[in-house]
């Protein structure tokens, strides 16, 4: 079981005043765990090929940009998934069941989870996301609109571990993971996440998941490189986010990351984004590392 540092977070008291519960399991910027995380990130950045976990896309600006991406004409996933849910809403609700705990993984602004409130009538709604900037206003709105439902937000990095034992009660639980977000995980990591979900929801619960079907490369390329450049801005923002996190953690990485071009690589149904982003020699010097 992962060990998390308790982090003072005024959003918890604010949440109580607004009618929902909030749990913050994100590590503090100057704690040992934060430095361990930065060390792991540095290893990924200097690997061949370099890699940045998708979770780093979602600071406040990244969340707003992603919401905009979901409404773009090229980004068919949200639109297609919405039509499937609409066409099969009653059938899905009958299979899933009502009056359960509903756990919205990667909830963001909770718009997709909110769609199911009237159909599933959950007694508890648990929004799980790494981005407090997204779920706090969403839960404030939902708690006011649905006073009969208990709302909880869990700010955590479930790409590490899905540590929700303390947040679930003994009742049946339905996990919700839409948007083909499972594709953010490498195959072995995806299997590990699914195994954790299965353990948490036991035989009385289940998982409602959205997974994209195979598409031709031209359609995928358009979806992840739109004409307006919103996705490009989303991609570049991850570099700004990493710079900001580095400064907050006491790491001088100002010269390490800079905005650059995006290149898409499509293979085995997955889209990999490549960014041109650093002066490698200077980056090593800034981090006190050697090749």
C-alpha atoms as a PDB file:
ATOM      1  CA  UNK A   1       0.000   0.000   0.000  1.00  0.00           C
ATOM      2  CA  UNK A   2       1.370   3.404  -0.914  1.00  0.00           C
ATOM      3  CA  UNK A   3       2.276   5.793   1.894  1.00  0.00           C
ATOM      4  CA  UNK A   4       1.189   9.396   1.399  1.00  0.00           C
ATOM      5  CA  UNK A   5       2.193  12.518   3.259  1.00  0.00           C
ATOM      6  CA  UNK A   6      -0.586  14.541   4.867  1.00  0.00           C
ATOM      7  CA  UNK A   7      -0.722  17.905   3.145  1.00  0.00           C
ATOM      8  CA  UNK A   8      -2.330  20.998   4.669  1.00  0.00           C
ATOM      9  CA  UNK A   9      -4.917  22.044   2.131  1.00  0.00           C
ATOM     10  CA  UNK A  10      -7.455  24.796   2.683  1.00  0.00           C
ATOM     11  CA  UNK A  11      -9.675  23.344  -0.034  1.00  0.00           C
ATOM     12  CA  UNK A  12     -10.784  20.662   2.426  1.00  0.00           C
ATOM     13  CA  UNK A  13     -12.457  23.175   4.737  1.00  0.00           C
ATOM     14  CA  UNK A  14     -13.869  25.017   1.740  1.00  0.00           C
ATOM     15  CA  UNK A  15     -15.391  21.776   0.503  1.00  0.00           C
ATOM     16  CA  UNK A  16     -17.165  21.161   3.814  1.00  0.00           C
ATOM     17  CA  UNK A  17     -18.725  24.599   3.611  1.00  0.00           C
ATOM     18  CA  UNK A  18     -19.955  23.820   0.098  1.00  0.00           C
ATOM     19  CA  UNK A  19     -21.559  20.498   0.942  1.00  0.00           C
ATOM     20  CA  UNK A  20     -19.049  17.850  -0.129  1.00  0.00           C
ATOM     21  CA  UNK A  21     -16.015  16.016   1.212  1.00  0.00           C
ATOM     22  CA  UNK A  22     -12.515  16.452  -0.138  1.00  0.00           C
ATOM     23  CA  UNK A  23      -9.473  14.246   0.392  1.00  0.00           C
ATOM     24  CA  UNK A  24      -6.039  15.396  -0.759  1.00  0.00           C
ATOM     25  CA  UNK A  25      -3.411  12.704  -1.217  1.00  0.00           C
ATOM     26  CA  UNK A  26      -1.079  14.726  -3.377  1.00  0.00           C
ATOM     27  CA  UNK A  27       2.411  15.094  -1.957  1.00  0.00           C
ATOM     28  CA  UNK A  28       3.791  18.428  -0.776  1.00  0.00           C
ATOM     29  CA  UNK A  29       6.374  20.098  -3.019  1.00  0.00           C
ATOM     30  CA  UNK A  30       9.224  20.022  -0.503  1.00  0.00           C
ATOM     31  CA  UNK A  31       8.585  16.616   1.045  1.00  0.00           C
ATOM     32  CA  UNK A  32      10.810  13.604   0.398  1.00  0.00           C
ATOM     33  CA  UNK A  33       8.167  11.952  -1.747  1.00  0.00           C
ATOM     34  CA  UNK A  34       8.146  14.966  -4.034  1.00  0.00           C
ATOM     35  CA  UNK A  35      11.875  14.650  -4.597  1.00  0.00           C
ATOM     36  CA  UNK A  36      11.448  10.945  -5.320  1.00  0.00           C
ATOM     37  CA  UNK A  37       8.809  11.832  -7.887  1.00  0.00           C
ATOM     38  CA  UNK A  38      11.095  14.431  -9.467  1.00  0.00           C
ATOM     39  CA  UNK A  39      13.910  11.883  -9.619  1.00  0.00           C
ATOM     40  CA  UNK A  40      11.625   9.435 -11.441  1.00  0.00           C
ATOM     41  CA  UNK A  41      10.519  12.180 -13.824  1.00  0.00           C
ATOM     42  CA  UNK A  42      14.145  13.107 -14.540  1.00  0.00           C
ATOM     43  CA  UNK A  43      14.939   9.485 -15.349  1.00  0.00           C
ATOM     44  CA  UNK A  44      12.088   9.459 -17.836  1.00  0.00           C
ATOM     45  CA  UNK A  45      13.183  12.717 -19.434  1.00  0.00           C
ATOM     46  CA  UNK A  46      16.722  11.449 -19.955  1.00  0.00           C
ATOM     47  CA  UNK A  47      15.708   7.984 -21.148  1.00  0.00           C
ATOM     48  CA  UNK A  48      15.853   6.945 -24.785  1.00  0.00           C
ATOM     49  CA  UNK A  49      13.283   7.725 -25.969  1.00  0.00           C
ATOM     50  CA  UNK A  50      12.403  10.339 -23.344  1.00  0.00           C
ATOM     51  CA  UNK A  51       8.993  10.022 -21.698  1.00  0.00           C
ATOM     52  CA  UNK A  52       6.618  12.222 -19.685  1.00  0.00           C
ATOM     53  CA  UNK A  53       3.663  10.560 -17.905  1.00  0.00           C
ATOM     54  CA  UNK A  54       0.280  11.926 -19.139  1.00  0.00           C
ATOM     55  CA  UNK A  55      -0.649  13.078 -15.621  1.00  0.00           C
ATOM     56  CA  UNK A  56       1.618  16.114 -16.039  1.00  0.00           C
ATOM     57  CA  UNK A  57      -0.643  17.548 -18.728  1.00  0.00           C
ATOM     58  CA  UNK A  58      -3.316  18.420 -16.182  1.00  0.00           C
ATOM     59  CA  UNK A  59      -2.530  21.608 -14.340  1.00  0.00           C
ATOM     60  CA  UNK A  60      -5.321  24.228 -14.311  1.00  0.00           C
ATOM     61  CA  UNK A  61      -4.547  25.454 -17.835  1.00  0.00           C
ATOM     62  CA  UNK A  62      -4.108  21.923 -19.111  1.00  0.00           C
ATOM     63  CA  UNK A  63      -7.549  20.955 -17.776  1.00  0.00           C
ATOM     64  CA  UNK A  64      -9.162  23.933 -19.507  1.00  0.00           C
ATOM     65  CA  UNK A  65      -7.394  23.151 -22.779  1.00  0.00           C
ATOM     66  CA  UNK A  66      -8.461  19.522 -22.629  1.00  0.00           C
ATOM     67  CA  UNK A  67     -12.093  20.521 -22.093  1.00  0.00           C
ATOM     68  CA  UNK A  68     -11.786  22.629 -25.237  1.00  0.00           C
ATOM     69  CA  UNK A  69     -10.220  19.715 -27.140  1.00  0.00           C
ATOM     70  CA  UNK A  70     -13.188  17.504 -26.279  1.00  0.00           C
ATOM     71  CA  UNK A  71     -15.503  19.865 -28.166  1.00  0.00           C
ATOM     72  CA  UNK A  72     -13.387  20.142 -31.315  1.00  0.00           C
ATOM     73  CA  UNK A  73     -14.851  18.647 -34.510  1.00  0.00           C
ATOM     74  CA  UNK A  74     -11.705  16.558 -35.077  1.00  0.00           C
ATOM     75  CA  UNK A  75     -11.834  15.012 -31.606  1.00  0.00           C
ATOM     76  CA  UNK A  76     -14.484  12.390 -32.302  1.00  0.00           C
ATOM     77  CA  UNK A  77     -14.069  10.412 -29.054  1.00  0.00           C
ATOM     78  CA  UNK A  78     -16.225  12.554 -26.766  1.00  0.00           C
ATOM     79  CA  UNK A  79     -18.940  13.025 -29.376  1.00  0.00           C
ATOM     80  CA  UNK A  80     -19.075   9.309 -30.256  1.00  0.00           C
ATOM     81  CA  UNK A  81     -19.060   8.159 -26.655  1.00  0.00           C
ATOM     82  CA  UNK A  82     -21.835  10.620 -25.823  1.00  0.00           C
ATOM     83  CA  UNK A  83     -24.016   9.225 -28.631  1.00  0.00           C
ATOM     84  CA  UNK A  84     -23.416   5.637 -27.459  1.00  0.00           C
ATOM     85  CA  UNK A  85     -24.378   6.519 -23.904  1.00  0.00           C
ATOM     86  CA  UNK A  86     -27.477   8.300 -25.116  1.00  0.00           C
ATOM     87  CA  UNK A  87     -28.607   5.415 -27.340  1.00  0.00           C
ATOM     88  CA  UNK A  88     -28.029   2.728 -24.695  1.00  0.00           C
ATOM     89  CA  UNK A  89     -28.608   4.679 -21.494  1.00  0.00           C
ATOM     90  CA  UNK A  90     -31.461   2.591 -20.100  1.00  0.00           C
ATOM     91  CA  UNK A  91     -29.790  -0.723 -20.929  1.00  0.00           C
ATOM     92  CA  UNK A  92     -26.531   0.342 -19.308  1.00  0.00           C
ATOM     93  CA  UNK A  93     -28.365   1.605 -16.222  1.00  0.00           C
ATOM     94  CA  UNK A  94     -30.214  -1.701 -15.871  1.00  0.00           C
ATOM     95  CA  UNK A  95     -26.949  -3.648 -15.974  1.00  0.00           C
ATOM     96  CA  UNK A  96     -25.008  -1.304 -13.696  1.00  0.00           C
ATOM     97  CA  UNK A  97     -27.752  -0.923 -11.094  1.00  0.00           C
ATOM     98  CA  UNK A  98     -28.901   1.989  -8.971  1.00  0.00           C
ATOM     99  CA  UNK A  99     -28.304   3.319  -5.458  1.00  0.00           C
ATOM    100  CA  UNK A 100     -24.622   2.417  -5.509  1.00  0.00           C
ATOM    101  CA  UNK A 101     -21.318   4.179  -5.035  1.00  0.00           C
ATOM    102  CA  UNK A 102     -20.244   5.732  -8.335  1.00  0.00           C
ATOM    103  CA  UNK A 103     -16.495   6.307  -8.681  1.00  0.00           C
ATOM    104  CA  UNK A 104     -15.569   8.649 -11.526  1.00  0.00           C
ATOM    105  CA  UNK A 105     -11.901   8.043 -12.396  1.00  0.00           C
ATOM    106  CA  UNK A 106     -10.113  10.970 -14.022  1.00  0.00           C
ATOM    107  CA  UNK A 107     -13.279  12.943 -13.347  1.00  0.00           C
ATOM    108  CA  UNK A 108     -12.025  16.351 -14.463  1.00  0.00           C
ATOM    109  CA  UNK A 109     -15.029  18.669 -14.588  1.00  0.00           C
ATOM    110  CA  UNK A 110     -17.323  15.692 -13.810  1.00  0.00           C
ATOM    111  CA  UNK A 111     -19.449  16.369 -16.918  1.00  0.00           C
ATOM    112  CA  UNK A 112     -19.380  12.748 -18.078  1.00  0.00           C
ATOM    113  CA  UNK A 113     -20.139  11.401 -14.617  1.00  0.00           C
ATOM    114  CA  UNK A 114     -22.906  13.948 -14.119  1.00  0.00           C
ATOM    115  CA  UNK A 115     -24.685  12.531 -17.167  1.00  0.00           C
ATOM    116  CA  UNK A 116     -25.341   9.295 -15.246  1.00  0.00           C
ATOM    117  CA  UNK A 117     -26.745  10.789 -12.043  1.00  0.00           C
ATOM    118  CA  UNK A 118     -30.377  10.760 -13.113  1.00  0.00           C
ATOM    119  CA  UNK A 119     -30.171   7.277 -14.636  1.00  0.00           C
ATOM    120  CA  UNK A 120     -28.142   5.489 -11.963  1.00  0.00           C
ATOM    121  CA  UNK A 121     -29.286   7.518  -8.933  1.00  0.00           C
ATOM    122  CA  UNK A 122     -26.125   6.763  -6.930  1.00  0.00           C
ATOM    123  CA  UNK A 123     -26.151   7.334  -3.198  1.00  0.00           C
ATOM    124  CA  UNK A 124     -22.480   8.374  -3.323  1.00  0.00           C
ATOM    125  CA  UNK A 125     -20.457  10.062  -6.076  1.00  0.00           C
ATOM    126  CA  UNK A 126     -16.672   9.921  -5.700  1.00  0.00           C
ATOM    127  CA  UNK A 127     -14.673  12.031  -8.156  1.00  0.00           C
ATOM    128  CA  UNK A 128     -11.042  10.942  -8.458  1.00  0.00           C
ATOM    129  CA  UNK A 129      -8.525  13.157 -10.245  1.00  0.00           C
ATOM    130  CA  UNK A 130      -5.030  14.551  -9.967  1.00  0.00           C
ATOM    131  CA  UNK A 131      -6.284  18.079 -10.743  1.00  0.00           C
ATOM    132  CA  UNK A 132      -7.912  19.870  -7.829  1.00  0.00           C
ATOM    133  CA  UNK A 133      -8.546  22.853 -10.096  1.00  0.00           C
ATOM    134  CA  UNK A 134     -11.009  20.756 -12.076  1.00  0.00           C
ATOM    135  CA  UNK A 135     -12.916  18.742  -9.508  1.00  0.00           C
ATOM    136  CA  UNK A 136     -13.400  21.383  -6.802  1.00  0.00           C
ATOM    137  CA  UNK A 137     -15.676  23.717  -8.816  1.00  0.00           C
ATOM    138  CA  UNK A 138     -17.406  20.703 -10.364  1.00  0.00           C
ATOM    139  CA  UNK A 139     -18.276  19.193  -6.987  1.00  0.00           C
ATOM    140  CA  UNK A 140     -19.369  22.573  -5.644  1.00  0.00           C
ATOM    141  CA  UNK A 141     -21.872  22.772  -8.488  1.00  0.00           C
ATOM    142  CA  UNK A 142     -23.033  19.142  -8.216  1.00  0.00           C
ATOM    143  CA  UNK A 143     -23.446  19.196  -4.426  1.00  0.00           C
ATOM    144  CA  UNK A 144     -25.741  22.218  -4.708  1.00  0.00           C
ATOM    145  CA  UNK A 145     -27.778  20.649  -7.518  1.00  0.00           C
ATOM    146  CA  UNK A 146     -28.109  17.164  -5.938  1.00  0.00           C
ATOM    147  CA  UNK A 147     -28.404  17.463  -2.150  1.00  0.00           C
ATOM    148  CA  UNK A 148     -29.639  13.851  -1.908  1.00  0.00           C
ATOM    149  CA  UNK A 149     -26.281  12.469  -3.085  1.00  0.00           C
ATOM    150  CA  UNK A 150     -23.125  12.351  -0.978  1.00  0.00           C
ATOM    151  CA  UNK A 151     -20.253  13.857  -2.982  1.00  0.00           C
ATOM    152  CA  UNK A 152     -16.565  13.245  -2.328  1.00  0.00           C
ATOM    153  CA  UNK A 153     -13.504  14.412  -4.230  1.00  0.00           C
ATOM    154  CA  UNK A 154     -10.237  12.498  -3.991  1.00  0.00           C
ATOM    155  CA  UNK A 155      -7.169  14.359  -5.271  1.00  0.00           C
ATOM    156  CA  UNK A 156      -4.660  11.633  -5.991  1.00  0.00           C
ATOM    157  CA  UNK A 157      -2.355  10.156  -8.597  1.00  0.00           C
ATOM    158  CA  UNK A 158      -3.989   6.849  -9.446  1.00  0.00           C
ATOM    159  CA  UNK A 159      -1.354   6.166 -12.092  1.00  0.00           C
ATOM    160  CA  UNK A 160       0.749   5.112  -9.098  1.00  0.00           C
ATOM    161  CA  UNK A 161      -1.862   3.231  -7.132  1.00  0.00           C
ATOM    162  CA  UNK A 162      -5.639   3.315  -6.807  1.00  0.00           C
ATOM    163  CA  UNK A 163      -5.638   3.821  -3.050  1.00  0.00           C
ATOM    164  CA  UNK A 164      -9.357   4.244  -2.315  1.00  0.00           C
ATOM    165  CA  UNK A 165      -9.865   1.749   0.508  1.00  0.00           C
ATOM    166  CA  UNK A 166     -10.479   4.525   3.029  1.00  0.00           C
ATOM    167  CA  UNK A 167     -12.942   6.334   0.742  1.00  0.00           C
ATOM    168  CA  UNK A 168     -15.315   3.488  -0.134  1.00  0.00           C
ATOM    169  CA  UNK A 169     -17.862   2.043   2.249  1.00  0.00           C
ATOM    170  CA  UNK A 170     -19.002  -1.586   2.303  1.00  0.00           C
ATOM    171  CA  UNK A 171     -21.690  -1.065  -0.341  1.00  0.00           C
ATOM    172  CA  UNK A 172     -21.580  -2.019  -3.998  1.00  0.00           C
ATOM    173  CA  UNK A 173     -19.382   0.217  -6.152  1.00  0.00           C
ATOM    174  CA  UNK A 174     -19.392   1.039  -9.857  1.00  0.00           C
ATOM    175  CA  UNK A 175     -16.215   2.493 -11.358  1.00  0.00           C
ATOM    176  CA  UNK A 176     -16.499   4.775 -14.382  1.00  0.00           C
ATOM    177  CA  UNK A 177     -13.529   5.335 -16.693  1.00  0.00           C
ATOM    178  CA  UNK A 178     -14.644   6.891 -19.998  1.00  0.00           C
ATOM    179  CA  UNK A 179     -12.912   8.602 -22.899  1.00  0.00           C
ATOM    180  CA  UNK A 180     -10.519   5.760 -23.794  1.00  0.00           C
ATOM    181  CA  UNK A 181      -8.272   7.148 -21.050  1.00  0.00           C
ATOM    182  CA  UNK A 182      -7.053   3.615 -20.335  1.00  0.00           C
ATOM    183  CA  UNK A 183      -4.872   4.186 -23.413  1.00  0.00           C
ATOM    184  CA  UNK A 184      -2.752   6.588 -21.349  1.00  0.00           C
ATOM    185  CA  UNK A 185      -1.287   3.507 -19.689  1.00  0.00           C
ATOM    186  CA  UNK A 186       1.212   1.089 -21.146  1.00  0.00           C
ATOM    187  CA  UNK A 187      -0.407  -2.376 -21.504  1.00  0.00           C
ATOM    188  CA  UNK A 188       1.103  -3.852 -18.326  1.00  0.00           C
ATOM    189  CA  UNK A 189       0.197  -0.751 -16.306  1.00  0.00           C
ATOM    190  CA  UNK A 190      -3.346  -0.822 -17.688  1.00  0.00           C
ATOM    191  CA  UNK A 191      -3.736  -4.424 -16.537  1.00  0.00           C
ATOM    192  CA  UNK A 192      -2.476  -3.451 -13.079  1.00  0.00           C
ATOM    193  CA  UNK A 193      -5.012  -0.620 -12.841  1.00  0.00           C
ATOM    194  CA  UNK A 194      -7.848  -2.911 -13.936  1.00  0.00           C
ATOM    195  CA  UNK A 195      -6.781  -5.483 -11.338  1.00  0.00           C
ATOM    196  CA  UNK A 196      -6.906  -2.810  -8.624  1.00  0.00           C
ATOM    197  CA  UNK A 197     -10.396  -1.756  -9.748  1.00  0.00           C
ATOM    198  CA  UNK A 198     -11.574  -5.360  -9.647  1.00  0.00           C
ATOM    199  CA  UNK A 199     -10.255  -5.788  -6.120  1.00  0.00           C
ATOM    200  CA  UNK A 200     -11.991  -2.624  -4.917  1.00  0.00           C
ATOM    201  CA  UNK A 201     -15.408  -3.249  -6.454  1.00  0.00           C
ATOM    202  CA  UNK A 202     -15.597  -7.010  -5.666  1.00  0.00           C
ATOM    203  CA  UNK A 203     -18.321  -9.235  -7.184  1.00  0.00           C
ATOM    204  CA  UNK A 204     -21.164  -6.854  -6.422  1.00  0.00           C
ATOM    205  CA  UNK A 205     -19.636  -3.974  -8.332  1.00  0.00           C
ATOM    206  CA  UNK A 206     -18.214  -3.388 -11.765  1.00  0.00           C
ATOM    207  CA  UNK A 207     -16.536  -1.086 -14.259  1.00  0.00           C
ATOM    208  CA  UNK A 208     -18.201   1.048 -16.934  1.00  0.00           C
ATOM    209  CA  UNK A 209     -15.338   1.863 -19.288  1.00  0.00           C
ATOM    210  CA  UNK A 210     -15.073   3.626 -22.639  1.00  0.00           C
ATOM    211  CA  UNK A 211     -12.437   2.276 -25.037  1.00  0.00           C
ATOM    212  CA  UNK A 212     -11.924   3.498 -28.588  1.00  0.00           C
ATOM    213  CA  UNK A 213     -12.146   1.039 -31.478  1.00  0.00           C
ATOM    214  CA  UNK A 214      -9.354   0.900 -34.095  1.00  0.00           C
ATOM    215  CA  UNK A 215      -9.305   3.924 -36.445  1.00  0.00           C
ATOM    216  CA  UNK A 216      -7.370   4.782 -39.569  1.00  0.00           C
ATOM    217  CA  UNK A 217      -4.233   6.830 -39.024  1.00  0.00           C
ATOM    218  CA  UNK A 218      -5.539   9.934 -40.793  1.00  0.00           C
ATOM    219  CA  UNK A 219      -8.493  10.207 -38.433  1.00  0.00           C
ATOM    220  CA  UNK A 220      -6.308   9.686 -35.375  1.00  0.00           C
ATOM    221  CA  UNK A 221      -3.785  12.243 -36.589  1.00  0.00           C
ATOM    222  CA  UNK A 222      -6.528  14.839 -37.069  1.00  0.00           C
ATOM    223  CA  UNK A 223      -7.977  14.130 -33.615  1.00  0.00           C
ATOM    224  CA  UNK A 224      -4.613  14.681 -31.920  1.00  0.00           C
ATOM    225  CA  UNK A 225      -3.370  17.558 -34.078  1.00  0.00           C
ATOM    226  CA  UNK A 226      -6.386  19.805 -34.722  1.00  0.00           C
ATOM    227  CA  UNK A 227      -6.443  22.652 -37.222  1.00  0.00           C
ATOM    228  CA  UNK A 228      -6.936  25.353 -34.569  1.00  0.00           C
ATOM    229  CA  UNK A 229      -3.849  24.287 -32.678  1.00  0.00           C
ATOM    230  CA  UNK A 230      -5.629  23.688 -29.351  1.00  0.00           C
ATOM    231  CA  UNK A 231      -4.034  20.266 -28.963  1.00  0.00           C
ATOM    232  CA  UNK A 232      -0.624  21.729 -29.811  1.00  0.00           C
ATOM    233  CA  UNK A 233      -1.085  24.300 -27.034  1.00  0.00           C
ATOM    234  CA  UNK A 234      -2.135  21.490 -24.677  1.00  0.00           C
ATOM    235  CA  UNK A 235       1.024  19.565 -25.555  1.00  0.00           C
ATOM    236  CA  UNK A 236       3.316  22.562 -25.082  1.00  0.00           C
ATOM    237  CA  UNK A 237       1.677  23.422 -21.779  1.00  0.00           C
ATOM    238  CA  UNK A 238       3.027  20.220 -20.233  1.00  0.00           C
ATOM    239  CA  UNK A 239       6.476  21.761 -20.548  1.00  0.00           C
ATOM    240  CA  UNK A 240       5.363  24.948 -18.773  1.00  0.00           C
ATOM    241  CA  UNK A 241       3.774  22.807 -16.068  1.00  0.00           C
ATOM    242  CA  UNK A 242       6.969  20.833 -15.521  1.00  0.00           C
ATOM    243  CA  UNK A 243       8.996  24.025 -15.289  1.00  0.00           C
ATOM    244  CA  UNK A 244       6.584  25.394 -12.686  1.00  0.00           C
ATOM    245  CA  UNK A 245       6.721  22.159 -10.670  1.00  0.00           C
ATOM    246  CA  UNK A 246      10.499  22.169 -10.828  1.00  0.00           C
ATOM    247  CA  UNK A 247      10.702  25.705  -9.437  1.00  0.00           C
ATOM    248  CA  UNK A 248       8.194  24.865  -6.680  1.00  0.00           C
ATOM    249  CA  UNK A 249      10.262  21.825  -5.719  1.00  0.00           C
ATOM    250  CA  UNK A 250      13.443  23.893  -5.483  1.00  0.00           C
ATOM    251  CA  UNK A 251      14.833  22.506  -8.743  1.00  0.00           C
ATOM    252  CA  UNK A 252      16.294  24.908 -11.300  1.00  0.00           C
ATOM    253  CA  UNK A 253      15.057  23.554 -14.617  1.00  0.00           C
ATOM    254  CA  UNK A 254      14.390  26.837 -16.357  1.00  0.00           C
ATOM    255  CA  UNK A 255      16.684  26.006 -19.276  1.00  0.00           C
ATOM    256  CA  UNK A 256      15.700  22.367 -19.375  1.00  0.00           C
ATOM    257  CA  UNK A 257      12.341  22.636 -21.071  1.00  0.00           C
ATOM    258  CA  UNK A 258      11.234  24.957 -23.823  1.00  0.00           C
ATOM    259  CA  UNK A 259       8.269  24.988 -26.169  1.00  0.00           C
ATOM    260  CA  UNK A 260       8.773  22.893 -29.255  1.00  0.00           C
ATOM    261  CA  UNK A 261       7.103  21.146 -32.145  1.00  0.00           C
ATOM    262  CA  UNK A 262       4.846  18.112 -31.700  1.00  0.00           C
ATOM    263  CA  UNK A 263       5.292  14.922 -33.705  1.00  0.00           C
ATOM    264  CA  UNK A 264       2.713  12.132 -33.557  1.00  0.00           C
ATOM    265  CA  UNK A 265       3.610   8.462 -33.770  1.00  0.00           C
ATOM    266  CA  UNK A 266       0.708   6.059 -34.314  1.00  0.00           C
ATOM    267  CA  UNK A 267       1.332   2.372 -33.700  1.00  0.00           C
ATOM    268  CA  UNK A 268      -0.730  -0.557 -32.439  1.00  0.00           C
ATOM    269  CA  UNK A 269      -3.754   1.682 -31.947  1.00  0.00           C
ATOM    270  CA  UNK A 270      -1.938   4.083 -29.622  1.00  0.00           C
ATOM    271  CA  UNK A 271      -0.927   7.673 -30.285  1.00  0.00           C
ATOM    272  CA  UNK A 272       2.440   8.770 -28.902  1.00  0.00           C
ATOM    273  CA  UNK A 273       3.310  12.478 -28.830  1.00  0.00           C
ATOM    274  CA  UNK A 274       6.906  13.606 -29.251  1.00  0.00           C
ATOM    275  CA  UNK A 275       8.018  17.102 -28.271  1.00  0.00           C
ATOM    276  CA  UNK A 276      11.269  18.850 -29.140  1.00  0.00           C
ATOM    277  CA  UNK A 277      11.979  20.471 -25.844  1.00  0.00           C
ATOM    278  CA  UNK A 278      15.470  20.862 -24.444  1.00  0.00           C
ATOM    279  CA  UNK A 279      19.126  21.637 -24.539  1.00  0.00           C
ATOM    280  CA  UNK A 280      20.259  18.262 -23.228  1.00  0.00           C
ATOM    281  CA  UNK A 281      23.747  19.245 -22.053  1.00  0.00           C
ATOM    282  CA  UNK A 282      22.495  22.324 -20.198  1.00  0.00           C
ATOM    283  CA  UNK A 283      19.671  20.276 -18.670  1.00  0.00           C
ATOM    284  CA  UNK A 284      22.111  17.795 -17.185  1.00  0.00           C
ATOM    285  CA  UNK A 285      24.156  20.651 -15.721  1.00  0.00           C
ATOM    286  CA  UNK A 286      21.068  22.292 -14.183  1.00  0.00           C
ATOM    287  CA  UNK A 287      20.038  19.045 -12.499  1.00  0.00           C
ATOM    288  CA  UNK A 288      23.546  18.240 -11.296  1.00  0.00           C
ATOM    289  CA  UNK A 289      23.624  15.066 -13.361  1.00  0.00           C
ATOM    290  CA  UNK A 290      26.161  13.562 -15.726  1.00  0.00           C
ATOM    291  CA  UNK A 291      25.673  11.229 -18.659  1.00  0.00           C
END
